[in-house]
Amino acid sequence: MPNELDFPVVIDPKALGALKRLVARKDDPTAFLRIGVKGGGCSGFEYVIKADTATTAFDVAIEMEGLKIVSDTKSSKFLQGSVLEFTGNLMDNGIRISNPNAARSCGCGTSFTPKE
């Protein structure tokens, strides 16, 4: 399992608390947090932050304060160096992603266009 320095995303402590609550709502002891990207949204790619229970051979994972966090290797290249922060803002569910690989982001911050 990689360490926090090898994982593509840095998670601030306040965000970690909010993300732990998200996973706890799944009410499944095997649940973990999945962070990734998928095609879609108004800018080309949209962020995925959800509780999940199934891993694949293409996943990388770390554990932070008892929370397993997983990202697939394809998403990792788009997320490398990103920071998840807790904003306390209801508009973006309290989590904001600062992604250095985004050429531009949509107004709500849920999707982005990657740099070439």
C-alpha atoms as a PDB file:
ATOM      1  CA  MET A   1       0.000   0.000   0.000  1.00  0.00           C
ATOM      2  CA  PRO A   2       1.514   3.385  -0.954  1.00  0.00           C
ATOM      3  CA  ASN A   3       2.130   6.051   1.650  1.00  0.00           C
ATOM      4  CA  GLU A   4       0.482   9.476   1.707  1.00  0.00           C
ATOM      5  CA  LEU A   5       3.317  10.972  -0.358  1.00  0.00           C
ATOM      6  CA  ASP A   6       2.729   8.429  -3.164  1.00  0.00           C
ATOM      7  CA  PHE A   7      -1.038   8.927  -3.257  1.00  0.00           C
ATOM      8  CA  PRO A   8      -2.222  11.431  -5.896  1.00  0.00           C
ATOM      9  CA  VAL A   9      -4.424  13.505  -3.554  1.00  0.00           C
ATOM     10  CA  VAL A  10      -3.663  15.343  -0.318  1.00  0.00           C
ATOM     11  CA  ILE A  11      -6.605  15.567   2.086  1.00  0.00           C
ATOM     12  CA  ASP A  12      -6.728  18.293   4.713  1.00  0.00           C
ATOM     13  CA  PRO A  13      -7.766  17.223   8.250  1.00  0.00           C
ATOM     14  CA  LYS A  14     -11.175  18.951   8.168  1.00  0.00           C
ATOM     15  CA  ALA A  15     -12.002  17.322   4.838  1.00  0.00           C
ATOM     16  CA  LEU A  16     -10.910  13.950   6.208  1.00  0.00           C
ATOM     17  CA  GLY A  17     -13.512  14.238   8.966  1.00  0.00           C
ATOM     18  CA  ALA A  18     -16.268  15.050   6.472  1.00  0.00           C
ATOM     19  CA  LEU A  19     -15.196  12.181   4.216  1.00  0.00           C
ATOM     20  CA  LYS A  20     -15.198   9.739   7.140  1.00  0.00           C
ATOM     21  CA  ARG A  21     -18.810  10.739   7.828  1.00  0.00           C
ATOM     22  CA  LEU A  22     -19.666  10.151   4.154  1.00  0.00           C
ATOM     23  CA  VAL A  23     -18.285   6.602   4.283  1.00  0.00           C
ATOM     24  CA  ALA A  24     -19.939   5.903   7.657  1.00  0.00           C
ATOM     25  CA  ARG A  25     -23.356   6.608   6.105  1.00  0.00           C
ATOM     26  CA  LYS A  26     -22.823   3.537   3.883  1.00  0.00           C
ATOM     27  CA  ASP A  27     -23.198   1.478   7.093  1.00  0.00           C
ATOM     28  CA  ASP A  28     -20.918  -1.255   5.743  1.00  0.00           C
ATOM     29  CA  PRO A  29     -17.675  -2.200   7.535  1.00  0.00           C
ATOM     30  CA  THR A  30     -15.998  -2.917   4.167  1.00  0.00           C
ATOM     31  CA  ALA A  31     -16.790   0.565   2.804  1.00  0.00           C
ATOM     32  CA  PHE A  32     -14.000   2.938   1.820  1.00  0.00           C
ATOM     33  CA  LEU A  33     -13.670   6.289   0.090  1.00  0.00           C
ATOM     34  CA  ARG A  34     -13.199   6.312  -3.682  1.00  0.00           C
ATOM     35  CA  ILE A  35     -11.685   9.409  -5.303  1.00  0.00           C
ATOM     36  CA  GLY A  36     -11.467   9.578  -9.069  1.00  0.00           C
ATOM     37  CA  VAL A  37     -12.536  11.215 -12.287  1.00  0.00           C
ATOM     38  CA  LYS A  38     -14.846  10.147 -15.085  1.00  0.00           C
ATOM     39  CA  GLY A  39     -15.832  11.607 -18.423  1.00  0.00           C
ATOM     40  CA  GLY A  40     -18.686  14.072 -18.217  1.00  0.00           C
ATOM     41  CA  GLY A  41     -19.665  17.289 -16.537  1.00  0.00           C
ATOM     42  CA  CYS A  42     -19.672  20.650 -18.250  1.00  0.00           C
ATOM     43  CA  SER A  43     -15.861  20.777 -18.627  1.00  0.00           C
ATOM     44  CA  GLY A  44     -15.047  17.282 -19.904  1.00  0.00           C
ATOM     45  CA  PHE A  45     -14.197  15.357 -16.718  1.00  0.00           C
ATOM     46  CA  GLU A  46     -16.057  15.267 -13.440  1.00  0.00           C
ATOM     47  CA  TYR A  47     -14.783  14.372  -9.998  1.00  0.00           C
ATOM     48  CA  VAL A  48     -15.966  11.227  -8.227  1.00  0.00           C
ATOM     49  CA  ILE A  49     -15.962  11.212  -4.430  1.00  0.00           C
ATOM     50  CA  LYS A  50     -18.085   8.430  -3.002  1.00  0.00           C
ATOM     51  CA  ALA A  51     -18.296   5.559  -0.562  1.00  0.00           C
ATOM     52  CA  ASP A  52     -17.553   2.259  -2.302  1.00  0.00           C
ATOM     53  CA  THR A  53     -17.073  -1.409  -1.402  1.00  0.00           C
ATOM     54  CA  ALA A  54     -15.420  -2.950  -4.491  1.00  0.00           C
ATOM     55  CA  THR A  55     -11.800  -2.537  -5.543  1.00  0.00           C
ATOM     56  CA  THR A  56     -10.164  -3.410  -8.866  1.00  0.00           C
ATOM     57  CA  ALA A  57      -6.689  -4.494  -9.919  1.00  0.00           C
ATOM     58  CA  PHE A  58      -6.117  -0.913 -11.132  1.00  0.00           C
ATOM     59  CA  ASP A  59      -6.632   0.727  -7.727  1.00  0.00           C
ATOM     60  CA  VAL A  60      -4.074   2.330  -5.445  1.00  0.00           C
ATOM     61  CA  ALA A  61      -5.000   2.789  -1.796  1.00  0.00           C
ATOM     62  CA  ILE A  62      -3.831   4.423   1.397  1.00  0.00           C
ATOM     63  CA  GLU A  63      -5.214   4.582   4.901  1.00  0.00           C
ATOM     64  CA  MET A  64      -5.533   7.874   6.765  1.00  0.00           C
ATOM     65  CA  GLU A  65      -6.686   7.866  10.382  1.00  0.00           C
ATOM     66  CA  GLY A  66      -8.597   4.626   9.902  1.00  0.00           C
ATOM     67  CA  LEU A  67     -10.158   5.594   6.560  1.00  0.00           C
ATOM     68  CA  LYS A  68      -9.202   3.573   3.491  1.00  0.00           C
ATOM     69  CA  ILE A  69      -8.948   5.866   0.454  1.00  0.00           C
ATOM     70  CA  VAL A  70      -8.794   4.410  -3.061  1.00  0.00           C
ATOM     71  CA  SER A  71      -8.142   5.880  -6.511  1.00  0.00           C
ATOM     72  CA  ASP A  72      -7.740   4.067  -9.802  1.00  0.00           C
ATOM     73  CA  THR A  73      -4.468   4.517 -11.686  1.00  0.00           C
ATOM     74  CA  LYS A  74      -6.133   6.242 -14.658  1.00  0.00           C
ATOM     75  CA  SER A  75      -7.725   8.871 -12.404  1.00  0.00           C
ATOM     76  CA  SER A  76      -4.480   9.261 -10.471  1.00  0.00           C
ATOM     77  CA  LYS A  77      -2.719  10.906 -13.398  1.00  0.00           C
ATOM     78  CA  PHE A  78      -5.467  13.575 -13.576  1.00  0.00           C
ATOM     79  CA  LEU A  79      -5.501  14.052  -9.792  1.00  0.00           C
ATOM     80  CA  GLN A  80      -1.754  14.064  -9.060  1.00  0.00           C
ATOM     81  CA  GLY A  81      -0.958  16.937  -6.706  1.00  0.00           C
ATOM     82  CA  SER A  82      -4.606  17.780  -5.989  1.00  0.00           C
ATOM     83  CA  VAL A  83      -5.745  18.924  -2.561  1.00  0.00           C
ATOM     84  CA  LEU A  84      -9.157  18.205  -1.027  1.00  0.00           C
ATOM     85  CA  GLU A  85     -10.220  20.884   1.424  1.00  0.00           C
ATOM     86  CA  PHE A  86     -13.286  21.331   3.583  1.00  0.00           C
ATOM     87  CA  THR A  87     -14.932  24.679   2.887  1.00  0.00           C
ATOM     88  CA  GLY A  88     -18.054  24.435   5.021  1.00  0.00           C
ATOM     89  CA  ASN A  89     -19.921  25.753   1.982  1.00  0.00           C
ATOM     90  CA  LEU A  90     -23.208  24.008   1.210  1.00  0.00           C
ATOM     91  CA  MET A  91     -22.939  24.723  -2.525  1.00  0.00           C
ATOM     92  CA  ASP A  92     -20.071  22.306  -3.071  1.00  0.00           C
ATOM     93  CA  ASN A  93     -21.019  19.873  -0.293  1.00  0.00           C
ATOM     94  CA  GLY A  94     -18.231  21.311   1.814  1.00  0.00           C
ATOM     95  CA  ILE A  95     -15.420  19.730  -0.234  1.00  0.00           C
ATOM     96  CA  ARG A  96     -13.343  21.687  -2.742  1.00  0.00           C
ATOM     97  CA  ILE A  97     -10.700  20.152  -4.999  1.00  0.00           C
ATOM     98  CA  SER A  98      -7.699  22.251  -5.980  1.00  0.00           C
ATOM     99  CA  ASN A  99      -6.311  20.443  -9.022  1.00  0.00           C
ATOM    100  CA  PRO A 100      -3.048  21.668 -10.594  1.00  0.00           C
ATOM    101  CA  ASN A 101      -3.788  19.517 -13.669  1.00  0.00           C
ATOM    102  CA  ALA A 102      -6.945  21.445 -14.561  1.00  0.00           C
ATOM    103  CA  ALA A 103      -6.671  23.950 -17.406  1.00  0.00           C
ATOM    104  CA  ARG A 104     -10.093  25.240 -16.376  1.00  0.00           C
ATOM    105  CA  SER A 105     -12.919  24.242 -14.071  1.00  0.00           C
ATOM    106  CA  CYS A 106     -16.643  24.733 -14.231  1.00  0.00           C
ATOM    107  CA  GLY A 107     -18.261  27.348 -12.023  1.00  0.00           C
ATOM    108  CA  CYS A 108     -19.444  24.855  -9.428  1.00  0.00           C
ATOM    109  CA  GLY A 109     -16.060  23.100  -9.238  1.00  0.00           C
ATOM    110  CA  THR A 110     -17.359  19.589  -9.925  1.00  0.00           C
ATOM    111  CA  SER A 111     -15.775  19.201 -13.362  1.00  0.00           C
ATOM    112  CA  PHE A 112     -12.618  20.281 -15.162  1.00  0.00           C
ATOM    113  CA  THR A 113     -10.733  20.322 -18.443  1.00  0.00           C
ATOM    114  CA  PRO A 114      -7.273  18.738 -18.103  1.00  0.00           C
ATOM    115  CA  LYS A 115      -4.131  20.518 -19.229  1.00  0.00           C
ATOM    116  CA  GLU A 116      -2.650  19.184 -22.462  1.00  0.00           C
END
